[in-house]
């Protein structure tokens, strides 16, 4: 049990890092298959019954199933023999796998892996006549949902015809009722044309939605690539930007000096003009002060003259009285 989990972790690591996948598959085949050339077609059963003998115990190995699921998402060039092994399984084996809690996950991974749609349709055709057996089971109902979504209109019509014939049996279980609801068996039985048109419109909407998601994924990957640029390039970019900034600063400094020189010359001219104006003001002030002094002196002399004349008159009057 412990060794299987080690192999499981190795497979998960190779898938996550996208490295050493081919080498790991070679080592795994040599460990699991006694004779690689003859037993390679039976790789699915060898991994599903990794820790048990097929004849003694029919339970699937959880560890082997997880390894098989991860291997399906390896590079298709390395896992083509696993896909061929799935395609060679019989319908009885596929039904047992679909209704098993562990095996249904493996089938779900196979239908979700990167193989072509044509091969998936070939795989679905192998289950012809067994769809009601799968749809009745709880685990099988989820497999039926995935099969129905992947099918084209002709395959869906084949599936619905089989389910319509077994409608009472499917209706007796919750899982069967879920499958009848997904496939719109009521509409299929009553109005087949309306069912076909509704299926076509849903397919168109699903394709449009997938295209939108793919476009969003491409844009996110492009942005991630742009963000994950080498540090050297980023340093060069920063250096160039710093050079440009220094050049801009030098260019800005030159006109500032010229402006300062101009401002200094203007200040000198203004100061000389102000000095000349002050000289003129001083001369005017001095002339006014001189005139004011002369006027004050004349007024004082005039007042003194008046006082003297008054005194003389008073003296004359006094002498007359005498």
Protein backbone atom coordinates (compact mmCIF):
# COMPACT_ATOMS: atom_id res chain seq x y z
CA UNK A 1 0.00 0.00 0.00
CA UNK A 2 2.76 2.44 0.88
CA UNK A 3 4.69 1.80 -2.34
CA UNK A 4 1.63 2.48 -4.43
CA UNK A 5 1.14 5.83 -2.75
CA UNK A 6 4.76 6.75 -3.48
CA UNK A 7 4.17 6.00 -7.17
CA UNK A 8 0.95 8.03 -7.00
CA UNK A 9 2.80 11.07 -5.62
CA UNK A 10 5.49 10.72 -8.29
CA UNK A 11 2.85 10.67 -11.03
CA UNK A 12 1.11 13.71 -9.56
CA UNK A 13 4.42 15.58 -9.33
CA UNK A 14 5.35 14.79 -12.96
CA UNK A 15 1.93 15.97 -14.11
CA UNK A 16 2.11 19.18 -12.10
CA UNK A 17 5.66 20.04 -13.19
CA UNK A 18 5.21 18.70 -16.75
CA UNK A 19 8.55 16.92 -16.55
CA UNK A 20 9.97 13.37 -16.74
CA UNK A 21 6.66 11.94 -17.94
CA UNK A 22 8.11 9.59 -20.53
CA UNK A 23 10.73 8.18 -18.14
CA UNK A 24 8.14 7.63 -15.41
CA UNK A 25 5.81 5.75 -17.78
CA UNK A 26 8.63 3.42 -18.83
CA UNK A 27 9.47 2.61 -15.21
CA UNK A 28 5.78 2.16 -14.33
CA UNK A 29 5.17 -0.22 -17.23
CA UNK A 30 8.20 -2.28 -16.26
CA UNK A 31 6.95 -2.50 -12.66
CA UNK A 32 3.26 -3.22 -13.36
CA UNK A 33 3.37 -5.34 -16.51
CA UNK A 34 5.17 -8.70 -16.35
CA UNK A 35 5.62 -8.70 -20.11
CA UNK A 36 5.39 -5.21 -21.52
CA UNK A 37 4.96 -6.24 -25.16
CA UNK A 38 2.04 -8.62 -24.59
CA UNK A 39 0.36 -7.14 -21.51
CA UNK A 40 0.48 -3.48 -22.50
CA UNK A 41 -3.04 -3.68 -23.92
CA UNK A 42 -4.32 -4.64 -20.46
CA UNK A 43 -2.74 -1.68 -18.63
CA UNK A 44 -6.13 -0.36 -17.44
CA UNK A 45 -7.04 -3.55 -15.60
CA UNK A 46 -3.51 -3.90 -14.24
CA UNK A 47 -3.71 -0.45 -12.65
CA UNK A 48 -7.31 -0.75 -11.45
CA UNK A 49 -6.45 -4.01 -9.67
CA UNK A 50 -2.99 -2.83 -8.64
CA UNK A 51 -3.02 -4.26 -5.12
CA UNK A 52 -5.40 -7.18 -5.63
CA UNK A 53 -5.73 -10.23 -7.78
CA UNK A 54 -8.50 -9.85 -10.35
CA UNK A 55 -9.89 -13.33 -9.73
CA UNK A 56 -9.81 -13.09 -5.92
CA UNK A 57 -11.13 -9.58 -5.27
CA UNK A 58 -13.21 -7.50 -7.68
CA UNK A 59 -12.79 -4.20 -5.84
CA UNK A 60 -10.84 -1.53 -7.60
CA UNK A 61 -7.65 -0.18 -6.09
CA UNK A 62 -8.03 3.43 -5.01
CA UNK A 63 -4.32 4.10 -5.49
CA UNK A 64 -4.25 2.46 -8.93
CA UNK A 65 -7.37 4.36 -10.02
CA UNK A 66 -5.80 7.70 -9.04
CA UNK A 67 -2.61 6.81 -10.92
CA UNK A 68 -4.69 5.94 -13.98
CA UNK A 69 -6.62 9.21 -13.77
CA UNK A 70 -3.41 11.26 -13.62
CA UNK A 71 -1.80 9.32 -16.46
CA UNK A 72 -4.73 10.19 -18.73
CA UNK A 73 -3.72 13.87 -18.48
CA UNK A 74 -0.08 13.23 -19.42
CA UNK A 75 1.17 14.14 -22.87
CA UNK A 76 -0.97 12.26 -25.42
CA UNK A 77 2.13 11.02 -27.25
CA UNK A 78 3.15 9.04 -24.15
CA UNK A 79 -0.29 7.72 -23.13
CA UNK A 80 -1.72 6.52 -26.43
CA UNK A 81 -1.47 2.90 -25.32
CA UNK A 82 -3.64 3.68 -22.24
CA UNK A 83 -6.36 5.16 -24.47
CA UNK A 84 -6.20 2.10 -26.73
CA UNK A 85 -6.59 -0.10 -23.64
CA UNK A 86 -9.76 1.82 -22.71
CA UNK A 87 -11.14 1.44 -26.21
CA UNK A 88 -10.66 -2.34 -26.10
CA UNK A 89 -12.68 -2.82 -22.91
CA UNK A 90 -15.97 -4.68 -23.30
CA UNK A 91 -19.37 -3.14 -22.53
CA UNK A 92 -19.84 -5.32 -19.43
CA UNK A 93 -16.56 -4.10 -17.99
CA UNK A 94 -17.49 -0.50 -18.76
CA UNK A 95 -20.87 -0.84 -17.01
CA UNK A 96 -19.21 -2.31 -13.91
CA UNK A 97 -16.73 0.56 -13.95
CA UNK A 98 -19.48 3.18 -14.44
CA UNK A 99 -21.55 2.07 -11.43
CA UNK A 100 -18.54 1.76 -9.10
CA UNK A 101 -17.62 4.76 -6.90
CA UNK A 102 -13.94 4.44 -7.85
CA UNK A 103 -14.35 3.28 -11.44
CA UNK A 104 -16.82 6.05 -12.28
CA UNK A 105 -14.13 8.63 -11.47
CA UNK A 106 -11.77 6.89 -13.89
CA UNK A 107 -14.38 6.97 -16.66
CA UNK A 108 -15.07 10.61 -15.91
CA UNK A 109 -11.35 11.36 -16.30
CA UNK A 110 -11.22 9.43 -19.59
CA UNK A 111 -14.13 11.43 -21.01
CA UNK A 112 -12.47 14.65 -19.86
CA UNK A 113 -8.93 13.99 -21.14
CA UNK A 114 -7.38 15.46 -24.29
CA UNK A 115 -8.38 12.84 -26.86
CA UNK A 116 -10.36 13.79 -29.93
CA UNK A 117 -14.14 14.08 -29.92
CA UNK A 118 -14.39 11.35 -32.56
CA UNK A 119 -12.70 8.82 -30.30
CA UNK A 120 -14.95 9.83 -27.43
CA UNK A 121 -17.99 9.24 -29.63
CA UNK A 122 -16.60 5.81 -30.57
CA UNK A 123 -16.24 5.02 -26.88
CA UNK A 124 -19.85 6.11 -26.20
CA UNK A 125 -21.13 3.85 -29.00
CA UNK A 126 -19.57 0.87 -27.20
CA UNK A 127 -22.22 1.40 -24.47
CA UNK A 128 -25.15 1.04 -26.84
CA UNK A 129 -27.96 -0.90 -25.18
CA UNK A 130 -26.52 -0.40 -21.68
CA UNK A 131 -27.45 3.21 -20.94
CA UNK A 132 -30.46 2.37 -18.70
CA UNK A 133 -28.23 0.05 -16.63
CA UNK A 134 -25.86 2.92 -16.03
CA UNK A 135 -28.54 5.57 -15.47
CA UNK A 136 -30.31 3.67 -12.70
CA UNK A 137 -27.25 3.76 -10.43
CA UNK A 138 -26.24 6.75 -8.31
CA UNK A 139 -22.66 6.86 -9.58
CA UNK A 140 -23.71 5.92 -13.09
CA UNK A 141 -26.07 8.88 -13.31
CA UNK A 142 -23.12 11.30 -13.22
CA UNK A 143 -21.38 9.29 -15.93
CA UNK A 144 -24.57 9.47 -18.00
CA UNK A 145 -24.66 13.23 -17.59
CA UNK A 146 -21.10 13.54 -18.91
CA UNK A 147 -21.85 11.14 -21.79
CA UNK A 148 -24.98 13.06 -22.76
CA UNK A 149 -23.15 16.42 -22.84
CA UNK A 150 -20.34 15.03 -24.99
CA UNK A 151 -22.69 13.36 -27.48
CA UNK A 152 -23.87 14.90 -30.73
CA UNK A 153 -27.52 15.01 -31.78
CA UNK A 154 -27.59 11.53 -33.32
CA UNK A 155 -26.01 9.92 -30.23
CA UNK A 156 -28.39 11.80 -27.94
CA UNK A 157 -31.33 10.54 -29.92
CA UNK A 158 -30.03 6.97 -29.56
CA UNK A 159 -29.60 7.45 -25.80
CA UNK A 160 -33.08 8.96 -25.36
CA UNK A 161 -34.74 6.13 -27.26
CA UNK A 162 -33.18 3.58 -24.93
CA UNK A 163 -34.09 5.59 -21.82
CA UNK A 164 -37.68 6.14 -23.02
CA UNK A 165 -38.17 2.40 -23.33
CA UNK A 166 -36.97 1.89 -19.74
CA UNK A 167 -38.69 4.96 -18.28
CA UNK A 168 -40.62 3.15 -15.50
CA UNK A 169 -37.46 1.43 -14.32
CA UNK A 170 -35.51 4.69 -14.31
CA UNK A 171 -38.36 6.56 -12.63
CA UNK A 172 -38.26 4.16 -9.68
CA UNK A 173 -34.88 5.50 -8.44
CA UNK A 174 -33.77 9.08 -7.66
CA UNK A 175 -30.73 8.69 -9.91
CA UNK A 176 -32.93 7.45 -12.77
CA UNK A 177 -35.30 10.41 -12.37
CA UNK A 178 -32.31 12.73 -12.51
CA UNK A 179 -31.19 11.15 -15.81
CA UNK A 180 -34.72 11.43 -17.25
CA UNK A 181 -34.77 15.10 -16.32
CA UNK A 182 -31.36 15.82 -17.86
CA UNK A 183 -32.21 14.12 -21.15
CA UNK A 184 -35.72 15.74 -21.36
CA UNK A 185 -37.39 12.39 -22.00
CA UNK A 186 -40.89 13.88 -21.55
CA UNK A 187 -40.33 16.35 -24.40
CA UNK A 188 -38.60 13.68 -26.48
CA UNK A 189 -41.60 11.37 -26.31
CA UNK A 190 -44.25 14.01 -26.99
CA UNK A 191 -42.58 16.58 -29.28
CA UNK A 192 -39.42 15.22 -30.84
CA UNK A 193 -38.92 18.24 -33.16
CA UNK A 194 -39.11 20.65 -30.26
CA UNK A 195 -36.63 18.48 -28.34
CA UNK A 196 -34.19 18.55 -31.29
CA UNK A 197 -34.41 22.35 -31.66
CA UNK A 198 -33.87 22.90 -27.93
CA UNK A 199 -30.82 20.61 -27.99
CA UNK A 200 -29.37 22.57 -30.90
CA UNK A 201 -29.82 25.91 -29.11
CA UNK A 202 -28.25 24.61 -25.90
CA UNK A 203 -25.26 23.30 -27.86
CA UNK A 204 -24.78 26.70 -29.50
CA UNK A 205 -24.89 28.47 -26.13
CA UNK A 206 -22.42 25.99 -24.66
CA UNK A 207 -19.98 26.52 -27.55
CA UNK A 208 -20.22 30.30 -27.24
CA UNK A 209 -19.57 30.06 -23.52
CA UNK A 210 -16.55 27.82 -24.10
CA UNK A 211 -15.14 30.27 -26.66
CA UNK A 212 -15.48 33.11 -24.16
CA UNK A 213 -13.69 31.07 -21.50
CA UNK A 214 -10.91 30.15 -23.93
CA UNK A 215 -10.42 33.80 -24.88
CA UNK A 216 -10.23 34.76 -21.20
CA UNK A 217 -7.73 31.97 -20.59
CA UNK A 218 -5.54 33.13 -23.48
CA UNK A 219 -5.57 36.71 -22.22
CA UNK A 220 -4.64 35.62 -18.70
CA UNK A 221 -1.77 33.48 -19.98
CA UNK A 222 -0.47 36.36 -22.09
CA UNK A 223 -0.56 38.69 -19.09
CA UNK A 224 1.23 36.11 -16.96
CA UNK A 225 3.94 35.76 -19.62
CA UNK A 226 4.37 39.51 -19.71
CA UNK A 227 4.64 39.62 -15.93
CA UNK A 228 7.20 36.79 -15.89
CA UNK A 229 9.87 38.65 -17.88
CA UNK A 230 13.56 38.15 -17.01
CA UNK A 231 14.96 40.37 -14.32
CA UNK A 232 17.83 41.50 -16.54
CA UNK A 233 15.46 42.96 -19.08
CA UNK A 234 13.58 44.71 -16.35
CA UNK A 235 16.83 46.13 -14.96
CA UNK A 236 17.78 47.42 -18.41
CA UNK A 237 14.38 49.01 -18.72
CA UNK A 238 14.82 50.68 -15.36
CA UNK A 239 18.28 51.89 -16.31
CA UNK A 240 16.98 53.40 -19.55
CA UNK A 241 14.15 55.05 -17.69
CA UNK A 242 16.60 56.51 -15.15
CA UNK A 243 18.76 57.83 -17.97
CA UNK A 244 15.77 59.44 -19.58
CA UNK A 245 14.77 60.99 -16.28
CA UNK A 246 18.28 62.37 -15.75
CA UNK A 247 18.31 63.83 -19.24
CA UNK A 248 14.94 65.42 -18.60
CA UNK A 249 16.24 66.86 -15.34
CA UNK A 250 19.30 68.30 -17.12
CA UNK A 251 17.10 69.84 -19.78
CA UNK A 252 14.92 71.33 -17.08
CA UNK A 253 17.93 72.78 -15.26
CA UNK A 254 19.29 74.77 -18.28
CA UNK A 255 16.31 77.07 -18.74
CA UNK A 256 16.17 77.60 -14.99
CA UNK A 257 19.67 79.08 -15.03
CA UNK A 258 18.80 81.31 -17.96
CA UNK A 259 15.73 82.44 -16.13
CA UNK A 260 17.78 83.19 -13.04
CA UNK A 261 20.24 85.23 -15.08
CA UNK A 262 17.41 87.12 -16.71
CA UNK A 263 15.78 87.71 -13.40
CA UNK A 264 19.08 88.99 -11.95
CA UNK A 265 19.61 91.45 -14.81
CA UNK A 266 16.05 92.65 -14.50
CA UNK A 267 16.50 93.17 -10.79
CA UNK A 268 19.65 95.22 -11.37
CA UNK A 269 17.87 97.42 -13.88
CA UNK A 270 14.93 97.86 -11.55
CA UNK A 271 17.24 98.74 -8.67
CA UNK A 272 19.10 101.37 -10.75
CA UNK A 273 15.80 102.84 -11.82
CA UNK A 274 14.65 102.94 -8.23
CA UNK A 275 17.88 104.69 -7.16
CA UNK A 276 17.42 107.33 -9.85
CA UNK A 277 13.86 107.89 -8.73
CA UNK A 278 14.99 108.23 -5.14
CA UNK A 279 17.56 110.87 -6.18
CA UNK A 280 14.86 112.84 -7.92
CA UNK A 281 12.64 112.59 -4.87
CA UNK A 282 15.46 113.81 -2.63
CA UNK A 283 16.08 116.85 -4.84
CA UNK A 284 12.38 117.74 -4.84
CA UNK A 285 12.22 117.29 -1.10
CA UNK A 286 15.26 119.48 -0.55
CA UNK A 287 13.88 122.23 -2.80
CA UNK A 288 10.56 122.12 -0.97
CA UNK A 289 12.25 122.26 2.38
CA UNK A 290 14.27 125.31 1.33
CA UNK A 291 11.16 127.10 0.06
CA UNK A 292 9.32 126.25 3.24
CA UNK A 293 12.18 127.65 5.30
CA UNK A 294 12.14 130.89 3.29
CA UNK A 295 8.42 131.21 3.71
CA UNK A 296 8.66 130.63 7.42
CA UNK A 297 11.39 133.25 7.73
CA UNK A 298 9.40 135.78 5.72
CA UNK A 299 6.30 135.11 7.76
CA UNK A 300 8.28 135.56 10.95
CA UNK A 301 9.72 138.83 9.69
CA UNK A 302 6.27 139.99 8.65
CA UNK A 303 4.84 139.19 12.09
CA UNK A 304 7.72 141.02 13.79
CA UNK A 305 7.09 144.05 11.57
CA UNK A 306 3.47 144.03 12.55
CA UNK A 307 4.30 143.87 16.21
CA UNK A 308 6.71 146.78 15.92
CA UNK A 309 4.11 148.93 14.13
CA UNK A 310 1.58 148.16 16.87
CA UNK A 311 4.00 149.20 19.56
CA UNK A 312 4.74 152.49 17.82
CA UNK A 313 1.05 153.32 17.49
CA UNK A 314 0.43 152.63 21.15
CA UNK A 315 3.33 154.90 22.11
CA UNK A 316 1.92 157.69 19.97
CA UNK A 317 -1.50 157.42 21.62
CA UNK A 318 0.01 157.51 25.08
CA UNK A 319 2.01 160.67 24.31
CA UNK A 320 -1.11 162.42 22.98
CA UNK A 321 -3.00 161.73 26.20
CA UNK A 322 -0.31 163.23 28.16
